Amino acid sequence: GMGWAQLIHPDDLEPTQREVAQQLEGQDTVNFVNR
């Protein structure tokens, strides 16, 4: 019901969005850290 934007630490939200954008371009996520 919340989605990840409501759970991720505000300081980590933008890096997480960048990581997702890279995934959508075909790059797998490896050892990405957020809170």
PDB file of all heavy atoms in Angstrom:
ATOM      1  N   GLY A   1       0.796  -1.216   0.000  1.00  0.00           N
ATOM      2  CA  GLY A   1       0.000   0.000   0.000  1.00  0.00           C
ATOM      3  C   GLY A   1       0.832   1.273   0.000  1.00  0.00           C
ATOM      4  O   GLY A   1       0.361   2.328  -0.421  1.00  0.00           O
ATOM      5  N   MET A   2       2.095   1.182   0.448  1.00  0.00           N
ATOM      6  CA  MET A   2       2.928   2.375   0.543  1.00  0.00           C
ATOM      7  C   MET A   2       3.832   2.585  -0.667  1.00  0.00           C
ATOM      8  O   MET A   2       4.011   3.698  -1.137  1.00  0.00           O
ATOM      9  CB  MET A   2       3.785   2.296   1.818  1.00  0.00           C
ATOM     10  CG  MET A   2       2.978   2.474   3.098  1.00  0.00           C
ATOM     11  SD  MET A   2       4.020   2.511   4.565  1.00  0.00           S
ATOM     12  CE  MET A   2       4.482   0.780   4.676  1.00  0.00           C
ATOM     13  N   GLY A   3       4.434   1.519  -1.187  1.00  0.00           N
ATOM     14  CA  GLY A   3       5.440   1.708  -2.224  1.00  0.00           C
ATOM     15  C   GLY A   3       6.769   2.114  -1.610  1.00  0.00           C
ATOM     16  O   GLY A   3       6.854   2.494  -0.444  1.00  0.00           O
ATOM     17  N   TRP A   4       7.838   2.066  -2.447  1.00  0.00           N
ATOM     18  CA  TRP A   4       9.155   2.268  -1.841  1.00  0.00           C
ATOM     19  C   TRP A   4       9.452   3.730  -1.502  1.00  0.00           C
ATOM     20  O   TRP A   4      10.238   4.022  -0.618  1.00  0.00           O
ATOM     21  CB  TRP A   4      10.262   1.663  -2.712  1.00  0.00           C
ATOM     22  CG  TRP A   4      10.589   2.389  -3.989  1.00  0.00           C
ATOM     23  CD1 TRP A   4      10.929   3.704  -4.132  1.00  0.00           C
ATOM     24  CD2 TRP A   4      10.650   1.832  -5.294  1.00  0.00           C
ATOM     25  NE1 TRP A   4      11.186   3.999  -5.432  1.00  0.00           N
ATOM     26  CE2 TRP A   4      11.044   2.871  -6.182  1.00  0.00           C
ATOM     27  CE3 TRP A   4      10.444   0.566  -5.812  1.00  0.00           C
ATOM     28  CZ2 TRP A   4      11.196   2.668  -7.549  1.00  0.00           C
ATOM     29  CZ3 TRP A   4      10.604   0.361  -7.176  1.00  0.00           C
ATOM     30  CH2 TRP A   4      10.967   1.394  -8.027  1.00  0.00           C
ATOM     31  N   ALA A   5       8.795   4.681  -2.166  1.00  0.00           N
ATOM     32  CA  ALA A   5       9.081   6.096  -1.908  1.00  0.00           C
ATOM     33  C   ALA A   5       8.746   6.486  -0.472  1.00  0.00           C
ATOM     34  O   ALA A   5       9.373   7.389   0.094  1.00  0.00           O
ATOM     35  CB  ALA A   5       8.310   6.976  -2.882  1.00  0.00           C
ATOM     36  N   GLN A   6       7.766   5.815   0.125  1.00  0.00           N
ATOM     37  CA  GLN A   6       7.371   6.129   1.495  1.00  0.00           C
ATOM     38  C   GLN A   6       8.212   5.392   2.535  1.00  0.00           C
ATOM     39  O   GLN A   6       8.097   5.670   3.729  1.00  0.00           O
ATOM     40  CB  GLN A   6       5.895   5.790   1.705  1.00  0.00           C
ATOM     41  CG  GLN A   6       4.951   6.597   0.819  1.00  0.00           C
ATOM     42  CD  GLN A   6       3.495   6.246   1.080  1.00  0.00           C
ATOM     43  OE1 GLN A   6       3.031   6.264   2.218  1.00  0.00           O
ATOM     44  NE2 GLN A   6       2.764   5.917   0.030  1.00  0.00           N
ATOM     45  N   LEU A   7       9.023   4.461   2.085  1.00  0.00           N
ATOM     46  CA  LEU A   7       9.816   3.661   3.013  1.00  0.00           C
ATOM     47  C   LEU A   7      11.300   4.024   2.994  1.00  0.00           C
ATOM     48  O   LEU A   7      11.980   3.901   4.007  1.00  0.00           O
ATOM     49  CB  LEU A   7       9.660   2.172   2.684  1.00  0.00           C
ATOM     50  CG  LEU A   7       8.285   1.557   2.952  1.00  0.00           C
ATOM     51  CD1 LEU A   7       8.205   0.144   2.384  1.00  0.00           C
ATOM     52  CD2 LEU A   7       7.998   1.530   4.447  1.00  0.00           C
ATOM     53  N   ILE A   8      11.788   4.494   1.854  1.00  0.00           N
ATOM     54  CA  ILE A   8      13.208   4.789   1.724  1.00  0.00           C
ATOM     55  C   ILE A   8      13.542   6.104   2.422  1.00  0.00           C
ATOM     56  O   ILE A   8      12.770   7.067   2.382  1.00  0.00           O
ATOM     57  CB  ILE A   8      13.604   4.847   0.233  1.00  0.00           C
ATOM     58  CG1 ILE A   8      13.446   3.454  -0.398  1.00  0.00           C
ATOM     59  CG2 ILE A   8      15.037   5.334   0.056  1.00  0.00           C
ATOM     60  CD1 ILE A   8      13.669   3.437  -1.891  1.00  0.00           C
ATOM     61  N   HIS A   9      14.686   6.144   3.064  1.00  0.00           N
ATOM     62  CA  HIS A   9      15.157   7.371   3.708  1.00  0.00           C
ATOM     63  C   HIS A   9      15.186   8.500   2.673  1.00  0.00           C
ATOM     64  O   HIS A   9      15.642   8.290   1.536  1.00  0.00           O
ATOM     65  CB  HIS A   9      16.553   7.149   4.292  1.00  0.00           C
ATOM     66  CG  HIS A   9      17.010   8.230   5.206  1.00  0.00           C
ATOM     67  ND1 HIS A   9      17.419   9.474   4.747  1.00  0.00           N
ATOM     68  CD2 HIS A   9      17.132   8.274   6.570  1.00  0.00           C
ATOM     69  CE1 HIS A   9      17.775  10.224   5.773  1.00  0.00           C
ATOM     70  NE2 HIS A   9      17.605   9.522   6.894  1.00  0.00           N
ATOM     71  N   PRO A  10      14.707   9.702   3.025  1.00  0.00           N
ATOM     72  CA  PRO A  10      14.669  10.810   2.059  1.00  0.00           C
ATOM     73  C   PRO A  10      16.007  11.074   1.368  1.00  0.00           C
ATOM     74  O   PRO A  10      16.039  11.404   0.178  1.00  0.00           O
ATOM     75  CB  PRO A  10      14.233  12.005   2.919  1.00  0.00           C
ATOM     76  CG  PRO A  10      13.457  11.390   4.038  1.00  0.00           C
ATOM     77  CD  PRO A  10      14.112  10.073   4.321  1.00  0.00           C
ATOM     78  N   ASP A  11      17.108  10.923   2.097  1.00  0.00           N
ATOM     79  CA  ASP A  11      18.423  11.172   1.508  1.00  0.00           C
ATOM     80  C   ASP A  11      18.819  10.101   0.497  1.00  0.00           C
ATOM     81  O   ASP A  11      19.729  10.309  -0.317  1.00  0.00           O
ATOM     82  CB  ASP A  11      19.491  11.255   2.600  1.00  0.00           C
ATOM     83  CG  ASP A  11      19.306  12.473   3.497  1.00  0.00           C
ATOM     84  OD1 ASP A  11      18.581  13.398   3.085  1.00  0.00           O
ATOM     85  OD2 ASP A  11      19.872  12.483   4.613  1.00  0.00           O
ATOM     86  N   ASP A  12      18.166   8.930   0.561  1.00  0.00           N
ATOM     87  CA  ASP A  12      18.508   7.820  -0.331  1.00  0.00           C
ATOM     88  C   ASP A  12      17.539   7.688  -1.505  1.00  0.00           C
ATOM     89  O   ASP A  12      17.735   6.829  -2.369  1.00  0.00           O
ATOM     90  CB  ASP A  12      18.510   6.493   0.453  1.00  0.00           C
ATOM     91  CG  ASP A  12      19.589   6.475   1.525  1.00  0.00           C
ATOM     92  OD1 ASP A  12      20.525   7.285   1.430  1.00  0.00           O
ATOM     93  OD2 ASP A  12      19.480   5.663   2.460  1.00  0.00           O
ATOM     94  N   LEU A  13      16.512   8.530  -1.535  1.00  0.00           N
ATOM     95  CA  LEU A  13      15.490   8.377  -2.560  1.00  0.00           C
ATOM     96  C   LEU A  13      16.027   8.683  -3.961  1.00  0.00           C
ATOM     97  O   LEU A  13      15.804   7.921  -4.908  1.00  0.00           O
ATOM     98  CB  LEU A  13      14.290   9.277  -2.242  1.00  0.00           C
ATOM     99  CG  LEU A  13      13.059   9.099  -3.135  1.00  0.00           C
ATOM    100  CD1 LEU A  13      12.588   7.646  -3.129  1.00  0.00           C
ATOM    101  CD2 LEU A  13      11.935  10.027  -2.692  1.00  0.00           C
ATOM    102  N   GLU A  14      16.737   9.780  -4.101  1.00  0.00           N
ATOM    103  CA  GLU A  14      17.267  10.149  -5.426  1.00  0.00           C
ATOM    104  C   GLU A  14      18.274   9.122  -5.944  1.00  0.00           C
ATOM    105  O   GLU A  14      18.186   8.705  -7.112  1.00  0.00           O
ATOM    106  CB  GLU A  14      17.906  11.540  -5.370  1.00  0.00           C
ATOM    107  CG  GLU A  14      18.359  12.028  -6.738  1.00  0.00           C
ATOM    108  CD  GLU A  14      18.901  13.449  -6.693  1.00  0.00           C
ATOM    109  OE1 GLU A  14      18.657  14.141  -5.687  1.00  0.00           O
ATOM    110  OE2 GLU A  14      19.558  13.873  -7.656  1.00  0.00           O
ATOM    111  N   PRO A  15      19.232   8.662  -5.122  1.00  0.00           N
ATOM    112  CA  PRO A  15      20.135   7.602  -5.606  1.00  0.00           C
ATOM    113  C   PRO A  15      19.383   6.328  -5.998  1.00  0.00           C
ATOM    114  O   PRO A  15      19.763   5.656  -6.960  1.00  0.00           O
ATOM    115  CB  PRO A  15      21.061   7.358  -4.415  1.00  0.00           C
ATOM    116  CG  PRO A  15      21.023   8.617  -3.631  1.00  0.00           C
ATOM    117  CD  PRO A  15      19.633   9.157  -3.786  1.00  0.00           C
ATOM    118  N   THR A  16      18.322   6.002  -5.259  1.00  0.00           N
ATOM    119  CA  THR A  16      17.533   4.817  -5.598  1.00  0.00           C
ATOM    120  C   THR A  16      16.847   4.988  -6.939  1.00  0.00           C
ATOM    121  O   THR A  16      16.812   4.057  -7.766  1.00  0.00           O
ATOM    122  CB  THR A  16      16.475   4.551  -4.509  1.00  0.00           C
ATOM    123  OG1 THR A  16      17.125   4.350  -3.248  1.00  0.00           O
ATOM    124  CG2 THR A  16      15.653   3.307  -4.851  1.00  0.00           C
ATOM    125  N   GLN A  17      16.318   6.166  -7.203  1.00  0.00           N
ATOM    126  CA  GLN A  17      15.674   6.429  -8.486  1.00  0.00           C
ATOM    127  C   GLN A  17      16.671   6.343  -9.632  1.00  0.00           C
ATOM    128  O   GLN A  17      16.339   5.849 -10.720  1.00  0.00           O
ATOM    129  CB  GLN A  17      14.994   7.800  -8.447  1.00  0.00           C
ATOM    130  CG  GLN A  17      13.785   7.841  -7.509  1.00  0.00           C
ATOM    131  CD  GLN A  17      13.260   9.243  -7.305  1.00  0.00           C
ATOM    132  OE1 GLN A  17      13.983  10.226  -7.471  1.00  0.00           O
ATOM    133  NE2 GLN A  17      11.985   9.354  -6.930  1.00  0.00           N
ATOM    134  N   ARG A  18      17.893   6.815  -9.409  1.00  0.00           N
ATOM    135  CA  ARG A  18      18.936   6.693 -10.442  1.00  0.00           C
ATOM    136  C   ARG A  18      19.271   5.229 -10.700  1.00  0.00           C
ATOM    137  O   ARG A  18      19.480   4.808 -11.841  1.00  0.00           O
ATOM    138  CB  ARG A  18      20.194   7.457 -10.027  1.00  0.00           C
ATOM    139  CG  ARG A  18      20.041   8.973 -10.056  1.00  0.00           C
ATOM    140  CD  ARG A  18      21.414   9.646 -10.100  1.00  0.00           C
ATOM    141  NE  ARG A  18      22.219   9.277  -8.950  1.00  0.00           N
ATOM    142  CZ  ARG A  18      22.273   9.980  -7.822  1.00  0.00           C
ATOM    143  NH1 ARG A  18      21.545  11.095  -7.698  1.00  0.00           N
ATOM    144  NH2 ARG A  18      23.045   9.598  -6.821  1.00  0.00           N
ATOM    145  N   GLU A  19      19.316   4.444  -9.624  1.00  0.00           N
ATOM    146  CA  GLU A  19      19.620   3.019  -9.760  1.00  0.00           C
ATOM    147  C   GLU A  19      18.529   2.312 -10.550  1.00  0.00           C
ATOM    148  O   GLU A  19      18.813   1.472 -11.414  1.00  0.00           O
ATOM    149  CB  GLU A  19      19.768   2.380  -8.384  1.00  0.00           C
ATOM    150  CG  GLU A  19      20.247   0.941  -8.394  1.00  0.00           C
ATOM    151  CD  GLU A  19      21.677   0.805  -8.870  1.00  0.00           C
ATOM    152  OE1 GLU A  19      22.464   1.761  -8.727  1.00  0.00           O
ATOM    153  OE2 GLU A  19      22.016  -0.274  -9.401  1.00  0.00           O
ATOM    154  N   VAL A  20      17.267   2.650 -10.284  1.00  0.00           N
ATOM    155  CA  VAL A  20      16.150   2.060 -11.019  1.00  0.00           C
ATOM    156  C   VAL A  20      16.229   2.443 -12.496  1.00  0.00           C
ATOM    157  O   VAL A  20      15.979   1.616 -13.379  1.00  0.00           O
ATOM    158  CB  VAL A  20      14.808   2.501 -10.408  1.00  0.00           C
ATOM    159  CG1 VAL A  20      13.642   2.097 -11.310  1.00  0.00           C
ATOM    160  CG2 VAL A  20      14.625   1.899  -9.018  1.00  0.00           C
ATOM    161  N   ALA A  21      16.580   3.700 -12.781  1.00  0.00           N
ATOM    162  CA  ALA A  21      16.710   4.146 -14.167  1.00  0.00           C
ATOM    163  C   ALA A  21      17.765   3.332 -14.906  1.00  0.00           C
ATOM    164  O   ALA A  21      17.588   2.972 -16.087  1.00  0.00           O
ATOM    165  CB  ALA A  21      17.056   5.630 -14.215  1.00  0.00           C
ATOM    166  N   GLN A  22      18.852   2.996 -14.235  1.00  0.00           N
ATOM    167  CA  GLN A  22      19.891   2.162 -14.845  1.00  0.00           C
ATOM    168  C   GLN A  22      19.384   0.747 -15.084  1.00  0.00           C
ATOM    169  O   GLN A  22      19.723   0.115 -16.093  1.00  0.00           O
ATOM    170  CB  GLN A  22      21.137   2.150 -13.959  1.00  0.00           C
ATOM    171  CG  GLN A  22      21.846   3.496 -13.882  1.00  0.00           C
ATOM    172  CD  GLN A  22      23.039   3.473 -12.954  1.00  0.00           C
ATOM    173  OE1 GLN A  22      23.291   2.491 -12.244  1.00  0.00           O
ATOM    174  NE2 GLN A  22      23.806   4.555 -12.945  1.00  0.00           N
ATOM    175  N   GLN A  23      18.560   0.255 -14.152  1.00  0.00           N
ATOM    176  CA  GLN A  23      17.958  -1.066 -14.358  1.00  0.00           C
ATOM    177  C   GLN A  23      17.092  -1.079 -15.612  1.00  0.00           C
ATOM    178  O   GLN A  23      17.133  -2.030 -16.389  1.00  0.00           O
ATOM    179  CB  GLN A  23      17.111  -1.458 -13.145  1.00  0.00           C
ATOM    180  CG  GLN A  23      17.884  -2.053 -11.997  1.00  0.00           C
ATOM    181  CD  GLN A  23      16.969  -2.675 -10.958  1.00  0.00           C
ATOM    182  OE1 GLN A  23      15.753  -2.707 -11.115  1.00  0.00           O
ATOM    183  NE2 GLN A  23      17.551  -3.166  -9.884  1.00  0.00           N
ATOM    184  N   LEU A  24      16.299  -0.043 -15.796  1.00  0.00           N
ATOM    185  CA  LEU A  24      15.408   0.025 -16.948  1.00  0.00           C
ATOM    186  C   LEU A  24      16.186   0.076 -18.267  1.00  0.00           C
ATOM    187  O   LEU A  24      15.660  -0.270 -19.324  1.00  0.00           O
ATOM    188  CB  LEU A  24      14.489   1.254 -16.838  1.00  0.00           C
ATOM    189  CG  LEU A  24      13.542   1.269 -15.632  1.00  0.00           C
ATOM    190  CD1 LEU A  24      12.718   2.538 -15.621  1.00  0.00           C
ATOM    191  CD2 LEU A  24      12.636   0.049 -15.635  1.00  0.00           C
ATOM    192  N   GLU A  25      17.446   0.494 -18.187  1.00  0.00           N
ATOM    193  CA  GLU A  25      18.298   0.532 -19.370  1.00  0.00           C
ATOM    194  C   GLU A  25      19.051  -0.782 -19.577  1.00  0.00           C
ATOM    195  O   GLU A  25      19.852  -0.903 -20.493  1.00  0.00           O
ATOM    196  CB  GLU A  25      19.294   1.685 -19.251  1.00  0.00           C
ATOM    197  CG  GLU A  25      18.630   3.063 -19.280  1.00  0.00           C
ATOM    198  CD  GLU A  25      19.612   4.189 -19.039  1.00  0.00           C
ATOM    199  OE1 GLU A  25      20.807   3.896 -18.792  1.00  0.00           O
ATOM    200  OE2 GLU A  25      19.208   5.360 -19.104  1.00  0.00           O
ATOM    201  N   GLY A  26      18.779  -1.759 -18.701  1.00  0.00           N
ATOM    202  CA  GLY A  26      19.375  -3.083 -18.876  1.00  0.00           C
ATOM    203  C   GLY A  26      20.547  -3.401 -17.977  1.00  0.00           C
ATOM    204  O   GLY A  26      21.168  -4.456 -18.120  1.00  0.00           O
ATOM    205  N   GLN A  27      20.858  -2.522 -17.037  1.00  0.00           N
ATOM    206  CA  GLN A  27      21.976  -2.761 -16.130  1.00  0.00           C
ATOM    207  C   GLN A  27      21.472  -3.326 -14.806  1.00  0.00           C
ATOM    208  O   GLN A  27      20.646  -2.720 -14.136  1.00  0.00           O
ATOM    209  CB  GLN A  27      22.739  -1.455 -15.883  1.00  0.00           C
ATOM    210  CG  GLN A  27      23.918  -1.604 -14.928  1.00  0.00           C
ATOM    211  CD  GLN A  27      24.693  -0.301 -14.772  1.00  0.00           C
ATOM    212  OE1 GLN A  27      24.795   0.475 -15.706  1.00  0.00           O
ATOM    213  NE2 GLN A  27      25.215  -0.065 -13.576  1.00  0.00           N
ATOM    214  N   ASP A  28      21.971  -4.498 -14.425  1.00  0.00           N
ATOM    215  CA  ASP A  28      21.541  -5.124 -13.181  1.00  0.00           C
ATOM    216  C   ASP A  28      22.090  -4.360 -11.974  1.00  0.00           C
ATOM    217  O   ASP A  28      23.160  -3.736 -12.030  1.00  0.00           O
ATOM    218  CB  ASP A  28      22.013  -6.579 -13.101  1.00  0.00           C
ATOM    219  CG  ASP A  28      21.259  -7.470 -14.073  1.00  0.00           C
ATOM    220  OD1 ASP A  28      20.200  -7.055 -14.558  1.00  0.00           O
ATOM    221  OD2 ASP A  28      21.750  -8.579 -14.360  1.00  0.00           O
ATOM    222  N   THR A  29      21.344  -4.428 -10.883  1.00  0.00           N
ATOM    223  CA  THR A  29      21.773  -3.831  -9.622  1.00  0.00           C
ATOM    224  C   THR A  29      22.608  -4.838  -8.841  1.00  0.00           C
ATOM    225  O   THR A  29      22.195  -5.981  -8.650  1.00  0.00           O
ATOM    226  CB  THR A  29      20.554  -3.407  -8.785  1.00  0.00           C
ATOM    227  OG1 THR A  29      19.929  -2.277  -9.402  1.00  0.00           O
ATOM    228  CG2 THR A  29      20.965  -3.029  -7.368  1.00  0.00           C
ATOM    229  N   VAL A  30      23.769  -4.404  -8.390  1.00  0.00           N
ATOM    230  CA  VAL A  30      24.662  -5.271  -7.621  1.00  0.00           C
ATOM    231  C   VAL A  30      25.147  -4.502  -6.392  1.00  0.00           C
ATOM    232  O   VAL A  30      25.777  -3.447  -6.520  1.00  0.00           O
ATOM    233  CB  VAL A  30      25.871  -5.732  -8.467  1.00  0.00           C
ATOM    234  CG1 VAL A  30      26.778  -6.632  -7.623  1.00  0.00           C
ATOM    235  CG2 VAL A  30      25.413  -6.457  -9.721  1.00  0.00           C
ATOM    236  N   ASN A  31      24.802  -5.005  -5.216  1.00  0.00           N
ATOM    237  CA  ASN A  31      25.276  -4.445  -3.942  1.00  0.00           C
ATOM    238  C   ASN A  31      24.934  -2.957  -3.778  1.00  0.00           C
ATOM    239  O   ASN A  31      25.731  -2.184  -3.261  1.00  0.00           O
ATOM    240  CB  ASN A  31      26.789  -4.647  -3.797  1.00  0.00           C
ATOM    241  CG  ASN A  31      27.174  -6.119  -3.818  1.00  0.00           C
ATOM    242  OD1 ASN A  31      26.371  -6.992  -3.530  1.00  0.00           O
ATOM    243  ND2 ASN A  31      28.415  -6.393  -4.171  1.00  0.00           N
ATOM    244  N   PHE A  32      23.729  -2.588  -4.207  1.00  0.00           N
ATOM    245  CA  PHE A  32      23.270  -1.215  -3.998  1.00  0.00           C
ATOM    246  C   PHE A  32      22.692  -1.093  -2.586  1.00  0.00           C
ATOM    247  O   PHE A  32      21.907  -1.941  -2.159  1.00  0.00           O
ATOM    248  CB  PHE A  32      22.212  -0.823  -5.026  1.00  0.00           C
ATOM    249  CG  PHE A  32      21.610   0.533  -4.794  1.00  0.00           C
ATOM    250  CD1 PHE A  32      22.331   1.679  -5.091  1.00  0.00           C
ATOM    251  CD2 PHE A  32      20.334   0.660  -4.251  1.00  0.00           C
ATOM    252  CE1 PHE A  32      21.785   2.939  -4.856  1.00  0.00           C
ATOM    253  CE2 PHE A  32      19.782   1.915  -4.025  1.00  0.00           C
ATOM    254  CZ  PHE A  32      20.516   3.058  -4.332  1.00  0.00           C
ATOM    255  N   VAL A  33      23.062  -0.039  -1.873  1.00  0.00           N
ATOM    256  CA  VAL A  33      22.688   0.110  -0.465  1.00  0.00           C
ATOM    257  C   VAL A  33      21.803   1.341  -0.288  1.00  0.00           C
ATOM    258  O   VAL A  33      22.119   2.427  -0.803  1.00  0.00           O
ATOM    259  CB  VAL A  33      23.940   0.228   0.424  1.00  0.00           C
ATOM    260  CG1 VAL A  33      23.549   0.514   1.867  1.00  0.00           C
ATOM    261  CG2 VAL A  33      24.758  -1.059   0.348  1.00  0.00           C
ATOM    262  N   ASN A  34      20.694   1.172   0.420  1.00  0.00           N
ATOM    263  CA  ASN A  34      19.880   2.308   0.863  1.00  0.00           C
ATOM    264  C   ASN A  34      19.250   1.972   2.216  1.00  0.00           C
ATOM    265  O   ASN A  34      19.396   0.855   2.713  1.00  0.00           O
ATOM    266  CB  ASN A  34      18.825   2.703  -0.181  1.00  0.00           C
ATOM    267  CG  ASN A  34      17.886   1.564  -0.521  1.00  0.00           C
ATOM    268  OD1 ASN A  34      17.846   0.534   0.151  1.00  0.00           O
ATOM    269  ND2 ASN A  34      17.120   1.731  -1.591  1.00  0.00           N
ATOM    270  N   ARG A  35      18.565   2.950   2.790  1.00  0.00           N
ATOM    271  CA  ARG A  35      17.985   2.764   4.118  1.00  0.00           C
ATOM    272  C   ARG A  35      16.463   2.744   4.035  1.00  0.00           C
ATOM    273  O   ARG A  35      15.860   3.578   3.354  1.00  0.00           O
ATOM    274  CB  ARG A  35      18.439   3.899   5.045  1.00  0.00           C
ATOM    275  CG  ARG A  35      19.906   3.821   5.447  1.00  0.00           C
ATOM    276  CD  ARG A  35      20.395   5.138   6.019  1.00  0.00           C
ATOM    277  NE  ARG A  35      20.446   6.186   4.991  1.00  0.00           N
ATOM    278  CZ  ARG A  35      20.786   7.452   5.236  1.00  0.00           C
ATOM    279  NH1 ARG A  35      21.096   7.834   6.476  1.00  0.00           N
ATOM    280  NH2 ARG A  35      20.809   8.338   4.257  1.00  0.00           N
TER     281      ARG A  35
END
